[in-house]
Amino acid sequence: MTAKTGEKAQKTGGFHCAHRSEEVHVTQGDKIPSCPNGHREFEIGPAGTKPA
């Protein structure tokens, strides 16, 4: 599943940058920020794990 910067998080968890290994933790209902490297597309998975 993917998400983009500016969308509201559907659930709390780790959002992994689709381009790098960076992760941001987002709480359900909050807007998803850009990754620290400025990328805007994320893979969604539990905090601390990379989605399969």
N, C-alpha and C. Protein backbone atom coordinates (compact mmCIF):
# COMPACT_ATOMS: atom_id res chain seq x y z
N MET A 1 0.85 -1.17 0.00
CA MET A 1 0.00 0.00 0.00
C MET A 1 0.90 1.24 0.00
N THR A 2 0.53 2.27 -0.71
CA THR A 2 1.32 3.49 -0.75
C THR A 2 0.52 4.69 -0.26
N ALA A 3 1.23 5.71 0.15
CA ALA A 3 0.63 6.97 0.59
C ALA A 3 1.54 8.09 0.13
N LYS A 4 0.99 9.30 0.08
CA LYS A 4 1.77 10.45 -0.38
C LYS A 4 1.71 11.58 0.64
N THR A 5 2.76 12.41 0.60
CA THR A 5 2.83 13.58 1.46
C THR A 5 1.56 14.41 1.33
N GLY A 6 1.03 14.87 2.47
CA GLY A 6 -0.16 15.71 2.49
C GLY A 6 -1.45 14.95 2.69
N GLU A 7 -1.44 13.63 2.44
CA GLU A 7 -2.64 12.83 2.69
C GLU A 7 -2.78 12.63 4.20
N LYS A 8 -4.01 12.36 4.66
CA LYS A 8 -4.22 12.02 6.07
C LYS A 8 -3.93 10.54 6.26
N ALA A 9 -3.20 10.22 7.31
CA ALA A 9 -2.87 8.83 7.62
C ALA A 9 -4.14 8.08 7.98
N GLN A 10 -4.35 6.93 7.34
CA GLN A 10 -5.52 6.10 7.61
C GLN A 10 -5.35 5.31 8.91
N LYS A 11 -4.07 5.11 9.33
CA LYS A 11 -3.81 4.43 10.59
C LYS A 11 -2.45 4.88 11.11
N THR A 12 -2.21 4.65 12.39
CA THR A 12 -0.94 4.99 13.01
C THR A 12 0.09 3.95 12.62
N GLY A 13 1.29 4.41 12.28
CA GLY A 13 2.34 3.45 11.96
C GLY A 13 3.52 4.08 11.27
N GLY A 14 4.43 3.22 10.83
CA GLY A 14 5.63 3.65 10.14
C GLY A 14 5.37 3.80 8.66
N PHE A 15 5.79 4.92 8.11
CA PHE A 15 5.67 5.18 6.69
C PHE A 15 7.09 5.19 6.14
N HIS A 16 7.40 4.24 5.25
CA HIS A 16 8.75 4.06 4.72
C HIS A 16 8.87 4.73 3.36
N CYS A 17 9.87 5.59 3.21
CA CYS A 17 10.10 6.28 1.95
C CYS A 17 10.23 5.25 0.83
N ALA A 18 9.53 5.47 -0.28
CA ALA A 18 9.57 4.54 -1.42
C ALA A 18 10.90 4.63 -2.17
N HIS A 19 11.71 5.64 -1.88
CA HIS A 19 12.97 5.84 -2.60
C HIS A 19 14.20 5.58 -1.76
N ARG A 20 14.08 5.68 -0.46
CA ARG A 20 15.20 5.48 0.47
C ARG A 20 14.71 4.69 1.66
N SER A 21 15.59 4.43 2.60
CA SER A 21 15.22 3.62 3.77
C SER A 21 14.69 4.47 4.93
N GLU A 22 14.47 5.76 4.70
CA GLU A 22 13.96 6.62 5.77
C GLU A 22 12.55 6.21 6.18
N GLU A 23 12.23 6.44 7.46
CA GLU A 23 10.90 6.14 7.97
C GLU A 23 10.39 7.33 8.79
N VAL A 24 9.13 7.65 8.63
CA VAL A 24 8.50 8.64 9.49
C VAL A 24 7.33 7.96 10.18
N HIS A 25 7.13 8.27 11.44
CA HIS A 25 6.01 7.71 12.20
C HIS A 25 4.87 8.73 12.16
N VAL A 26 3.68 8.28 11.79
CA VAL A 26 2.54 9.18 11.67
C VAL A 26 1.36 8.60 12.45
N THR A 27 0.66 9.47 13.15
CA THR A 27 -0.52 9.09 13.92
C THR A 27 -1.76 9.21 13.04
N GLN A 28 -2.68 8.27 13.19
CA GLN A 28 -3.93 8.28 12.41
C GLN A 28 -4.57 9.66 12.43
N GLY A 29 -4.95 10.13 11.24
CA GLY A 29 -5.62 11.42 11.11
C GLY A 29 -4.69 12.59 10.86
N ASP A 30 -3.39 12.42 11.16
CA ASP A 30 -2.42 13.48 10.90
C ASP A 30 -2.02 13.48 9.42
N LYS A 31 -1.58 14.63 8.92
CA LYS A 31 -1.08 14.70 7.55
C LYS A 31 0.30 14.08 7.47
N ILE A 32 0.56 13.36 6.39
CA ILE A 32 1.85 12.71 6.19
C ILE A 32 2.87 13.75 5.72
N PRO A 33 4.01 13.86 6.43
CA PRO A 33 5.03 14.83 6.03
C PRO A 33 5.93 14.24 4.94
N SER A 34 6.74 15.07 4.32
CA SER A 34 7.77 14.58 3.41
C SER A 34 8.80 13.80 4.21
N CYS A 35 9.51 12.90 3.57
CA CYS A 35 10.60 12.20 4.26
C CYS A 35 11.73 13.20 4.48
N PRO A 36 12.68 12.88 5.36
CA PRO A 36 13.79 13.81 5.63
C PRO A 36 14.60 14.17 4.38
N ASN A 37 14.53 13.34 3.34
CA ASN A 37 15.26 13.61 2.10
C ASN A 37 14.40 14.34 1.07
N GLY A 38 13.16 14.71 1.46
CA GLY A 38 12.30 15.48 0.57
C GLY A 38 11.41 14.67 -0.35
N HIS A 39 11.47 13.35 -0.28
CA HIS A 39 10.61 12.52 -1.12
C HIS A 39 9.17 12.56 -0.61
N ARG A 40 8.22 12.24 -1.50
CA ARG A 40 6.81 12.42 -1.16
C ARG A 40 5.97 11.15 -1.30
N GLU A 41 6.58 10.00 -1.52
CA GLU A 41 5.83 8.76 -1.69
C GLU A 41 6.34 7.73 -0.68
N PHE A 42 5.40 7.04 -0.02
CA PHE A 42 5.73 6.12 1.06
C PHE A 42 5.08 4.76 0.88
N GLU A 43 5.76 3.74 1.40
CA GLU A 43 5.19 2.41 1.59
C GLU A 43 4.75 2.37 3.04
N ILE A 44 3.63 1.72 3.30
CA ILE A 44 3.07 1.72 4.66
C ILE A 44 3.27 0.35 5.29
N GLY A 45 3.76 0.34 6.53
CA GLY A 45 3.95 -0.90 7.27
C GLY A 45 4.09 -0.59 8.74
N PRO A 46 4.13 -1.62 9.59
CA PRO A 46 4.29 -1.40 11.02
C PRO A 46 5.59 -0.68 11.32
N ALA A 47 5.61 0.16 12.32
CA ALA A 47 6.82 0.90 12.70
C ALA A 47 7.98 -0.06 12.92
N GLY A 48 9.12 0.25 12.35
CA GLY A 48 10.32 -0.55 12.53
C GLY A 48 10.46 -1.70 11.56
N THR A 49 9.54 -1.86 10.63
CA THR A 49 9.65 -2.96 9.67
C THR A 49 9.46 -2.43 8.26
N LYS A 50 10.10 -3.06 7.31
CA LYS A 50 9.95 -2.71 5.92
C LYS A 50 8.86 -3.60 5.33
N PRO A 51 7.85 -3.03 4.66
CA PRO A 51 6.79 -3.86 4.09
C PRO A 51 7.32 -4.86 3.08
N ALA A 52 6.66 -5.98 2.96
CA ALA A 52 7.07 -7.03 2.01
C ALA A 52 6.78 -6.63 0.58
